[in-house]
Structure formats: C-alpha cells, structure tokens
C-alpha cells in the first residue's frame, strides 16, 4: 500500500514538474512585435503633446531619429512612425 502511494506521488510530482517546465519554455520562443505608437506615447511623451521629440526617445528610435522624422520638424508623429523603416534584426553568423 505504501509503495503504491509513493509511486503515485512520484508520478504526480514528475508530471507537475514536466508540465511547468514545458509551459515556461514555450513562452521564451515567442517574439513580441514592435510597439504601437500609442504605447510609445504613453511611455515616452513627457510633455504629452502627441509627438515624440529626439530628447524623449531612446534606443533604436533615437539612433534612427533623423530617418524617421521625414519632415525634419524635430518630432516623430504617428504617421512618420507608421512609415518608418523597419529595424534590421541581428545578423546571424
């Protein structure tokens, strides 16, 4: 009787560990798409004017600011963001 209980507990424990490990590993392979302009405004638009200035942005957006700001007014609007060149992924060796 004790050996059946031990076996059952070992199997349940093993299944739990396996399913938990599988669930976590599946989430890692998913890629998140680029942010929406509204998300960027929410996080970066300090003066809440509905546009992003070069001083408000960071990362790849800041690096490509002059390419994205097509009308050269010093701001990235939603239209300019939508028409921006897509960032290049890392090159594989």
PDB file of N, CA and C in Angstrom:
ATOM      1  N   UNK A   1       0.818  -1.193   0.000  1.00  0.00           N
ATOM      2  CA  UNK A   1       0.000   0.000   0.000  1.00  0.00           C
ATOM      3  C   UNK A   1       0.866   1.263   0.000  1.00  0.00           C
ATOM      4  N   UNK A   2       1.903   1.282   0.872  1.00  0.00           N
ATOM      5  CA  UNK A   2       2.777   2.447   0.942  1.00  0.00           C
ATOM      6  C   UNK A   2       3.541   2.629  -0.369  1.00  0.00           C
ATOM      7  N   UNK A   3       3.910   1.531  -1.003  1.00  0.00           N
ATOM      8  CA  UNK A   3       4.665   1.642  -2.244  1.00  0.00           C
ATOM      9  C   UNK A   3       3.786   2.187  -3.368  1.00  0.00           C
ATOM     10  N   UNK A   4       2.506   1.846  -3.389  1.00  0.00           N
ATOM     11  CA  UNK A   4       1.577   2.396  -4.391  1.00  0.00           C
ATOM     12  C   UNK A   4       1.390   3.894  -4.188  1.00  0.00           C
ATOM     13  N   UNK A   5       1.271   4.310  -2.946  1.00  0.00           N
ATOM     14  CA  UNK A   5       1.121   5.730  -2.630  1.00  0.00           C
ATOM     15  C   UNK A   5       2.378   6.491  -3.047  1.00  0.00           C
ATOM     16  N   UNK A   6       3.539   5.934  -2.737  1.00  0.00           N
ATOM     17  CA  UNK A   6       4.804   6.565  -3.110  1.00  0.00           C
ATOM     18  C   UNK A   6       4.927   6.671  -4.634  1.00  0.00           C
ATOM     19  N   UNK A   7       4.575   5.612  -5.334  1.00  0.00           N
ATOM     20  CA  UNK A   7       4.646   5.611  -6.799  1.00  0.00           C
ATOM     21  C   UNK A   7       3.705   6.652  -7.383  1.00  0.00           C
ATOM     22  N   UNK A   8       2.493   6.707  -6.854  1.00  0.00           N
ATOM     23  CA  UNK A   8       1.515   7.682  -7.335  1.00  0.00           C
ATOM     24  C   UNK A   8       2.008   9.107  -7.101  1.00  0.00           C
ATOM     25  N   UNK A   9       2.537   9.373  -5.919  1.00  0.00           N
ATOM     26  CA  UNK A   9       3.062  10.715  -5.615  1.00  0.00           C
ATOM     27  C   UNK A   9       4.244  11.062  -6.514  1.00  0.00           C
ATOM     28  N   UNK A  10       5.107  10.107  -6.773  1.00  0.00           N
ATOM     29  CA  UNK A  10       6.255  10.352  -7.645  1.00  0.00           C
ATOM     30  C   UNK A  10       5.799  10.671  -9.068  1.00  0.00           C
ATOM     31  N   UNK A  11       4.803   9.976  -9.553  1.00  0.00           N
ATOM     32  CA  UNK A  11       4.281  10.225 -10.903  1.00  0.00           C
ATOM     33  C   UNK A  11       3.629  11.602 -10.977  1.00  0.00           C
ATOM     34  N   UNK A  12       2.805  11.942  -9.988  1.00  0.00           N
ATOM     35  CA  UNK A  12       2.150  13.254  -9.970  1.00  0.00           C
ATOM     36  C   UNK A  12       3.190  14.364  -9.907  1.00  0.00           C
ATOM     37  N   UNK A  13       4.208  14.206  -9.072  1.00  0.00           N
ATOM     38  CA  UNK A  13       5.273  15.197  -8.970  1.00  0.00           C
ATOM     39  C   UNK A  13       5.998  15.348 -10.305  1.00  0.00           C
ATOM     40  N   UNK A  14       6.319  14.223 -10.934  1.00  0.00           N
ATOM     41  CA  UNK A  14       7.014  14.262 -12.226  1.00  0.00           C
ATOM     42  C   UNK A  14       6.200  14.955 -13.304  1.00  0.00           C
ATOM     43  N   UNK A  15       4.913  14.674 -13.359  1.00  0.00           N
ATOM     44  CA  UNK A  15       4.037  15.315 -14.346  1.00  0.00           C
ATOM     45  C   UNK A  15       3.954  16.814 -14.082  1.00  0.00           C
ATOM     46  N   UNK A  16       3.860  17.185 -12.819  1.00  0.00           N
ATOM     47  CA  UNK A  16       3.783  18.611 -12.468  1.00  0.00           C
ATOM     48  C   UNK A  16       5.044  19.345 -12.903  1.00  0.00           C
ATOM     49  N   UNK A  17       6.197  18.780 -12.605  1.00  0.00           N
ATOM     50  CA  UNK A  17       7.466  19.395 -12.987  1.00  0.00           C
ATOM     51  C   UNK A  17       7.585  19.481 -14.505  1.00  0.00           C
ATOM     52  N   UNK A  18       7.233  18.425 -15.190  1.00  0.00           N
ATOM     53  CA  UNK A  18       7.317  18.404 -16.653  1.00  0.00           C
ATOM     54  C   UNK A  18       6.395  19.436 -17.286  1.00  0.00           C
ATOM     55  N   UNK A  19       5.158  19.527 -16.807  1.00  0.00           N
ATOM     56  CA  UNK A  19       4.222  20.489 -17.401  1.00  0.00           C
ATOM     57  C   UNK A  19       4.625  21.921 -17.102  1.00  0.00           C
ATOM     58  N   UNK A  20       5.144  22.176 -15.917  1.00  0.00           N
ATOM     59  CA  UNK A  20       5.598  23.524 -15.565  1.00  0.00           C
ATOM     60  C   UNK A  20       6.792  23.924 -16.418  1.00  0.00           C
ATOM     61  N   UNK A  21       7.736  23.033 -16.579  1.00  0.00           N
ATOM     62  CA  UNK A  21       8.923  23.307 -17.395  1.00  0.00           C
ATOM     63  C   UNK A  21       8.538  23.551 -18.844  1.00  0.00           C
ATOM     64  N   UNK A  22       7.637  22.764 -19.364  1.00  0.00           N
ATOM     65  CA  UNK A  22       7.186  22.925 -20.748  1.00  0.00           C
ATOM     66  C   UNK A  22       6.474  24.254 -20.937  1.00  0.00           C
ATOM     67  N   UNK A  23       5.642  24.644 -20.003  1.00  0.00           N
ATOM     68  CA  UNK A  23       4.910  25.916 -20.116  1.00  0.00           C
ATOM     69  C   UNK A  23       5.864  27.094 -20.135  1.00  0.00           C
ATOM     70  N   UNK A  24       6.888  27.065 -19.275  1.00  0.00           N
ATOM     71  CA  UNK A  24       7.842  28.171 -19.253  1.00  0.00           C
ATOM     72  C   UNK A  24       8.691  28.217 -20.509  1.00  0.00           C
ATOM     73  N   UNK A  25       9.105  27.087 -21.019  1.00  0.00           N
ATOM     74  CA  UNK A  25       9.969  27.086 -22.196  1.00  0.00           C
ATOM     75  C   UNK A  25       9.221  27.505 -23.451  1.00  0.00           C
ATOM     76  N   UNK A  26       7.921  27.266 -23.515  1.00  0.00           N
ATOM     77  CA  UNK A  26       7.161  27.668 -24.694  1.00  0.00           C
ATOM     78  C   UNK A  26       7.067  29.182 -24.799  1.00  0.00           C
ATOM     79  N   UNK A  27       6.975  29.891 -23.708  1.00  0.00           N
ATOM     80  CA  UNK A  27       6.859  31.337 -23.733  1.00  0.00           C
ATOM     81  C   UNK A  27       8.121  32.043 -24.172  1.00  0.00           C
ATOM     82  N   UNK A  28       9.254  31.418 -24.030  1.00  0.00           N
ATOM     83  CA  UNK A  28      10.527  32.065 -24.361  1.00  0.00           C
ATOM     84  C   UNK A  28      10.741  32.210 -25.849  1.00  0.00           C
ATOM     85  N   UNK A  29      10.187  31.317 -26.645  1.00  0.00           N
ATOM     86  CA  UNK A  29      10.414  31.358 -28.079  1.00  0.00           C
ATOM     87  C   UNK A  29       9.574  32.397 -28.801  1.00  0.00           C
ATOM     88  N   UNK A  30       8.563  32.928 -28.130  1.00  0.00           N
ATOM     89  CA  UNK A  30       7.683  33.890 -28.780  1.00  0.00           C
ATOM     90  C   UNK A  30       8.364  35.250 -28.863  1.00  0.00           C
ATOM     91  N   UNK A  31       8.168  35.907 -29.976  1.00  0.00           N
ATOM     92  CA  UNK A  31       8.714  37.249 -30.144  1.00  0.00           C
ATOM     93  C   UNK A  31       7.595  38.257 -29.992  1.00  0.00           C
ATOM     94  N   UNK A  32       7.913  39.315 -29.335  1.00  0.00           N
ATOM     95  CA  UNK A  32       6.944  40.395 -29.190  1.00  0.00           C
ATOM     96  C   UNK A  32       7.123  41.320 -30.380  1.00  0.00           C
ATOM     97  N   UNK A  33       6.028  41.741 -30.944  1.00  0.00           N
ATOM     98  CA  UNK A  33       6.093  42.633 -32.088  1.00  0.00           C
ATOM     99  C   UNK A  33       6.506  44.036 -31.664  1.00  0.00           C
ATOM    100  N   UNK A  34       6.714  44.908 -32.641  1.00  0.00           N
ATOM    101  CA  UNK A  34       7.094  46.284 -32.308  1.00  0.00           C
ATOM    102  C   UNK A  34       5.961  46.987 -31.575  1.00  0.00           C
ATOM    103  N   UNK A  35       6.294  47.971 -30.757  1.00  0.00           N
ATOM    104  CA  UNK A  35       5.253  48.671 -30.003  1.00  0.00           C
ATOM    105  C   UNK A  35       4.384  49.526 -30.922  1.00  0.00           C
ATOM    106  N   UNK A  36       3.175  49.743 -30.503  1.00  0.00           N
ATOM    107  CA  UNK A  36       2.279  50.672 -31.197  1.00  0.00           C
ATOM    108  C   UNK A  36       2.698  52.097 -30.827  1.00  0.00           C
ATOM    109  N   UNK A  37       2.354  53.056 -31.684  1.00  0.00           N
ATOM    110  CA  UNK A  37       2.713  54.444 -31.418  1.00  0.00           C
ATOM    111  C   UNK A  37       2.078  54.921 -30.111  1.00  0.00           C
ATOM    112  N   UNK A  38       0.845  54.495 -29.854  1.00  0.00           N
ATOM    113  CA  UNK A  38       0.162  54.904 -28.621  1.00  0.00           C
ATOM    114  C   UNK A  38       0.907  54.408 -27.375  1.00  0.00           C
ATOM    115  N   UNK A  39       1.514  53.216 -27.463  1.00  0.00           N
ATOM    116  CA  UNK A  39       2.305  52.698 -26.343  1.00  0.00           C
ATOM    117  C   UNK A  39       3.553  53.551 -26.128  1.00  0.00           C
ATOM    118  N   UNK A  40       4.179  53.951 -27.223  1.00  0.00           N
ATOM    119  CA  UNK A  40       5.366  54.801 -27.111  1.00  0.00           C
ATOM    120  C   UNK A  40       5.011  56.150 -26.498  1.00  0.00           C
ATOM    121  N   UNK A  41       3.893  56.708 -26.928  1.00  0.00           N
ATOM    122  CA  UNK A  41       3.466  57.993 -26.357  1.00  0.00           C
ATOM    123  C   UNK A  41       3.239  57.865 -24.855  1.00  0.00           C
ATOM    124  N   UNK A  42       2.592  56.781 -24.479  1.00  0.00           N
ATOM    125  CA  UNK A  42       2.288  56.561 -23.074  1.00  0.00           C
ATOM    126  C   UNK A  42       3.560  56.492 -22.232  1.00  0.00           C
ATOM    127  N   UNK A  43       4.603  55.864 -22.776  1.00  0.00           N
ATOM    128  CA  UNK A  43       5.835  55.670 -22.021  1.00  0.00           C
ATOM    129  C   UNK A  43       6.822  56.827 -22.162  1.00  0.00           C
ATOM    130  N   UNK A  44       6.866  57.473 -23.352  1.00  0.00           N
ATOM    131  CA  UNK A  44       7.953  58.404 -23.631  1.00  0.00           C
ATOM    132  C   UNK A  44       7.555  59.870 -23.771  1.00  0.00           C
ATOM    133  N   UNK A  45       6.325  60.155 -24.111  1.00  0.00           N
ATOM    134  CA  UNK A  45       5.904  61.537 -24.397  1.00  0.00           C
ATOM    135  C   UNK A  45       5.762  62.330 -23.100  1.00  0.00           C
ATOM    136  N   UNK A  46       6.877  62.878 -22.633  1.00  0.00           N
ATOM    137  CA  UNK A  46       6.920  63.558 -21.338  1.00  0.00           C
ATOM    138  C   UNK A  46       6.002  64.777 -21.265  1.00  0.00           C
ATOM    139  N   UNK A  47       5.933  65.572 -22.341  1.00  0.00           N
ATOM    140  CA  UNK A  47       5.107  66.776 -22.310  1.00  0.00           C
ATOM    141  C   UNK A  47       3.704  66.550 -22.860  1.00  0.00           C
ATOM    142  N   UNK A  48       3.392  65.308 -23.204  1.00  0.00           N
ATOM    143  CA  UNK A  48       2.058  64.891 -23.644  1.00  0.00           C
ATOM    144  C   UNK A  48       1.511  65.738 -24.796  1.00  0.00           C
ATOM    145  N   UNK A  49       2.375  65.997 -25.798  1.00  0.00           N
ATOM    146  CA  UNK A  49       1.921  66.778 -26.949  1.00  0.00           C
ATOM    147  C   UNK A  49       1.506  65.892 -28.129  1.00  0.00           C
ATOM    148  N   UNK A  50       1.565  64.580 -27.950  1.00  0.00           N
ATOM    149  CA  UNK A  50       1.147  63.669 -29.010  1.00  0.00           C
ATOM    150  C   UNK A  50       2.208  63.387 -30.052  1.00  0.00           C
ATOM    151  N   UNK A  51       3.436  63.852 -29.809  1.00  0.00           N
ATOM    152  CA  UNK A  51       4.558  63.591 -30.705  1.00  0.00           C
ATOM    153  C   UNK A  51       5.779  63.300 -29.854  1.00  0.00           C
ATOM    154  N   UNK A  52       6.775  62.735 -30.497  1.00  0.00           N
ATOM    155  CA  UNK A  52       7.989  62.380 -29.774  1.00  0.00           C
ATOM    156  C   UNK A  52       9.161  63.207 -30.283  1.00  0.00           C
ATOM    157  N   UNK A  53       9.798  63.936 -29.374  1.00  0.00           N
ATOM    158  CA  UNK A  53      10.991  64.706 -29.750  1.00  0.00           C
ATOM    159  C   UNK A  53      12.215  63.817 -29.560  1.00  0.00           C
ATOM    160  N   UNK A  54      13.328  64.233 -30.119  1.00  0.00           N
ATOM    161  CA  UNK A  54      14.553  63.447 -30.019  1.00  0.00           C
ATOM    162  C   UNK A  54      14.989  63.287 -28.568  1.00  0.00           C
ATOM    163  N   UNK A  55      14.733  64.270 -27.744  1.00  0.00           N
ATOM    164  CA  UNK A  55      15.129  64.174 -26.331  1.00  0.00           C
ATOM    165  C   UNK A  55      14.235  63.210 -25.548  1.00  0.00           C
ATOM    166  N   UNK A  56      13.064  62.885 -26.077  1.00  0.00           N
ATOM    167  CA  UNK A  56      12.149  61.986 -25.384  1.00  0.00           C
ATOM    168  C   UNK A  56      12.362  60.506 -25.733  1.00  0.00           C
ATOM    169  N   UNK A  57      12.977  60.233 -26.859  1.00  0.00           N
ATOM    170  CA  UNK A  57      13.121  58.842 -27.299  1.00  0.00           C
ATOM    171  C   UNK A  57      14.488  58.280 -26.921  1.00  0.00           C
ATOM    172  N   UNK A  58      14.601  56.942 -27.016  1.00  0.00           N
ATOM    173  CA  UNK A  58      15.864  56.285 -26.706  1.00  0.00           C
ATOM    174  C   UNK A  58      15.992  55.028 -27.546  1.00  0.00           C
ATOM    175  N   UNK A  59      17.155  54.424 -27.496  1.00  0.00           N
ATOM    176  CA  UNK A  59      17.389  53.169 -28.197  1.00  0.00           C
ATOM    177  C   UNK A  59      17.388  53.323 -29.711  1.00  0.00           C
ATOM    178  N   UNK A  60      16.911  52.290 -30.421  1.00  0.00           N
ATOM    179  CA  UNK A  60      16.913  52.306 -31.886  1.00  0.00           C
ATOM    180  C   UNK A  60      16.119  53.475 -32.466  1.00  0.00           C
ATOM    181  N   UNK A  61      15.079  53.897 -31.760  1.00  0.00           N
ATOM    182  CA  UNK A  61      14.280  55.024 -32.235  1.00  0.00           C
ATOM    183  C   UNK A  61      15.106  56.308 -32.240  1.00  0.00           C
ATOM    184  N   UNK A  62      15.930  56.477 -31.240  1.00  0.00           N
ATOM    185  CA  UNK A  62      16.801  57.651 -31.177  1.00  0.00           C
ATOM    186  C   UNK A  62      17.899  57.557 -32.236  1.00  0.00           C
ATOM    187  N   UNK A  63      18.444  56.345 -32.415  1.00  0.00           N
ATOM    188  CA  UNK A  63      19.501  56.143 -33.404  1.00  0.00           C
ATOM    189  C   UNK A  63      19.037  56.456 -34.822  1.00  0.00           C
ATOM    190  N   UNK A  64      17.771  56.204 -35.124  1.00  0.00           N
ATOM    191  CA  UNK A  64      17.228  56.419 -36.466  1.00  0.00           C
ATOM    192  C   UNK A  64      16.311  57.639 -36.531  1.00  0.00           C
ATOM    193  N   UNK A  65      16.430  58.523 -35.556  1.00  0.00           N
ATOM    194  CA  UNK A  65      15.505  59.648 -35.463  1.00  0.00           C
ATOM    195  C   UNK A  65      15.457  60.467 -36.754  1.00  0.00           C
ATOM    196  N   UNK A  66      16.605  60.818 -37.296  1.00  0.00           N
ATOM    197  CA  UNK A  66      16.619  61.671 -38.488  1.00  0.00           C
ATOM    198  C   UNK A  66      16.011  60.966 -39.707  1.00  0.00           C
ATOM    199  N   UNK A  67      16.105  59.644 -39.767  1.00  0.00           N
ATOM    200  CA  UNK A  67      15.497  58.908 -40.872  1.00  0.00           C
ATOM    201  C   UNK A  67      13.977  58.847 -40.720  1.00  0.00           C
ATOM    202  N   UNK A  68      13.501  58.761 -39.480  1.00  0.00           N
ATOM    203  CA  UNK A  68      12.064  58.640 -39.227  1.00  0.00           C
ATOM    204  C   UNK A  68      11.378  59.994 -39.325  1.00  0.00           C
ATOM    205  N   UNK A  69      12.035  61.050 -38.861  1.00  0.00           N
ATOM    206  CA  UNK A  69      11.477  62.415 -38.898  1.00  0.00           C
ATOM    207  C   UNK A  69      11.602  62.969 -40.317  1.00  0.00           C
ATOM    208  N   UNK A  70      10.735  62.516 -41.189  1.00  0.00           N
ATOM    209  CA  UNK A  70      10.863  62.842 -42.610  1.00  0.00           C
ATOM    210  C   UNK A  70      10.606  64.314 -42.932  1.00  0.00           C
ATOM    211  N   UNK A  71       9.765  64.995 -42.140  1.00  0.00           N
ATOM    212  CA  UNK A  71       9.531  66.412 -42.422  1.00  0.00           C
ATOM    213  C   UNK A  71      10.518  67.320 -41.690  1.00  0.00           C
ATOM    214  N   UNK A  72      11.456  66.700 -40.961  1.00  0.00           N
ATOM    215  CA  UNK A  72      12.546  67.396 -40.279  1.00  0.00           C
ATOM    216  C   UNK A  72      12.084  68.530 -39.369  1.00  0.00           C
ATOM    217  N   UNK A  73      10.963  68.295 -38.669  1.00  0.00           N
ATOM    218  CA  UNK A  73      10.471  69.318 -37.740  1.00  0.00           C
ATOM    219  C   UNK A  73      10.928  69.072 -36.300  1.00  0.00           C
ATOM    220  N   UNK A  74      11.716  68.002 -36.093  1.00  0.00           N
ATOM    221  CA  UNK A  74      12.224  67.709 -34.757  1.00  0.00           C
ATOM    222  C   UNK A  74      11.317  66.804 -33.940  1.00  0.00           C
ATOM    223  N   UNK A  75      10.268  66.277 -34.568  1.00  0.00           N
ATOM    224  CA  UNK A  75       9.335  65.405 -33.865  1.00  0.00           C
ATOM    225  C   UNK A  75       8.980  64.206 -34.735  1.00  0.00           C
ATOM    226  N   UNK A  76       8.648  63.100 -34.076  1.00  0.00           N
ATOM    227  CA  UNK A  76       8.126  61.930 -34.780  1.00  0.00           C
ATOM    228  C   UNK A  76       6.629  61.883 -34.498  1.00  0.00           C
ATOM    229  N   UNK A  77       5.860  61.968 -35.556  1.00  0.00           N
ATOM    230  CA  UNK A  77       4.409  61.868 -35.430  1.00  0.00           C
ATOM    231  C   UNK A  77       3.977  60.428 -35.677  1.00  0.00           C
ATOM    232  N   UNK A  78       2.716  60.151 -35.440  1.00  0.00           N
ATOM    233  CA  UNK A  78       2.207  58.797 -35.658  1.00  0.00           C
ATOM    234  C   UNK A  78       2.359  58.379 -37.117  1.00  0.00           C
ATOM    235  N   UNK A  79       2.092  59.286 -38.027  1.00  0.00           N
ATOM    236  CA  UNK A  79       2.222  58.978 -39.458  1.00  0.00           C
ATOM    237  C   UNK A  79       3.666  58.647 -39.818  1.00  0.00           C
ATOM    238  N   UNK A  80       4.606  59.430 -39.318  1.00  0.00           N
ATOM    239  CA  UNK A  80       6.016  59.167 -39.596  1.00  0.00           C
ATOM    240  C   UNK A  80       6.445  57.827 -38.991  1.00  0.00           C
ATOM    241  N   UNK A  81       5.935  57.535 -37.804  1.00  0.00           N
ATOM    242  CA  UNK A  81       6.274  56.271 -37.154  1.00  0.00           C
ATOM    243  C   UNK A  81       5.764  55.086 -37.968  1.00  0.00           C
ATOM    244  N   UNK A  82       4.543  55.206 -38.476  1.00  0.00           N
ATOM    245  CA  UNK A  82       3.969  54.122 -39.276  1.00  0.00           C
ATOM    246  C   UNK A  82       4.752  53.889 -40.564  1.00  0.00           C
ATOM    247  N   UNK A  83       5.306  54.948 -41.129  1.00  0.00           N
ATOM    248  CA  UNK A  83       6.053  54.843 -42.388  1.00  0.00           C
ATOM    249  C   UNK A  83       7.554  54.643 -42.184  1.00  0.00           C
ATOM    250  N   UNK A  84       7.979  54.518 -40.933  1.00  0.00           N
ATOM    251  CA  UNK A  84       9.408  54.382 -40.629  1.00  0.00           C
ATOM    252  C   UNK A  84       9.958  53.073 -41.168  1.00  0.00           C
ATOM    253  N   UNK A  85      11.242  53.087 -41.563  1.00  0.00           N
ATOM    254  CA  UNK A  85      11.857  51.827 -41.987  1.00  0.00           C
ATOM    255  C   UNK A  85      11.897  50.853 -40.813  1.00  0.00           C
ATOM    256  N   UNK A  86      11.669  49.606 -41.107  1.00  0.00           N
ATOM    257  CA  UNK A  86      11.672  48.584 -40.062  1.00  0.00           C
ATOM    258  C   UNK A  86      13.103  48.331 -39.611  1.00  0.00           C
ATOM    259  N   UNK A  87      13.311  48.179 -38.287  1.00  0.00           N
ATOM    260  CA  UNK A  87      14.677  47.935 -37.798  1.00  0.00           C
ATOM    261  C   UNK A  87      15.183  46.582 -38.295  1.00  0.00           C
ATOM    262  N   UNK A  88      16.471  46.545 -38.562  1.00  0.00           N
ATOM    263  CA  UNK A  88      17.097  45.307 -39.018  1.00  0.00           C
ATOM    264  C   UNK A  88      17.388  44.430 -37.819  1.00  0.00           C
ATOM    265  N   UNK A  89      17.069  43.151 -37.944  1.00  0.00           N
ATOM    266  CA  UNK A  89      17.368  42.201 -36.882  1.00  0.00           C
ATOM    267  C   UNK A  89      18.862  41.930 -36.823  1.00  0.00           C
ATOM    268  N   UNK A  90      19.259  41.241 -35.790  1.00  0.00           N
ATOM    269  CA  UNK A  90      20.668  40.873 -35.663  1.00  0.00           C
ATOM    270  C   UNK A  90      21.044  39.920 -36.782  1.00  0.00           C
ATOM    271  N   UNK A  91      22.216  40.116 -37.332  1.00  0.00           N
ATOM    272  CA  UNK A  91      22.686  39.228 -38.386  1.00  0.00           C
ATOM    273  C   UNK A  91      23.250  37.970 -37.763  1.00  0.00           C
ATOM    274  N   UNK A  92      22.899  36.848 -38.353  1.00  0.00           N
ATOM    275  CA  UNK A  92      23.424  35.583 -37.877  1.00  0.00           C
ATOM    276  C   UNK A  92      24.720  35.250 -38.577  1.00  0.00           C
ATOM    277  N   UNK A  93      25.622  34.668 -37.853  1.00  0.00           N
ATOM    278  CA  UNK A  93      26.918  34.269 -38.434  1.00  0.00           C
ATOM    279  C   UNK A  93      26.822  32.943 -39.109  1.00  0.00           C
TER     280      UNK A  93
END
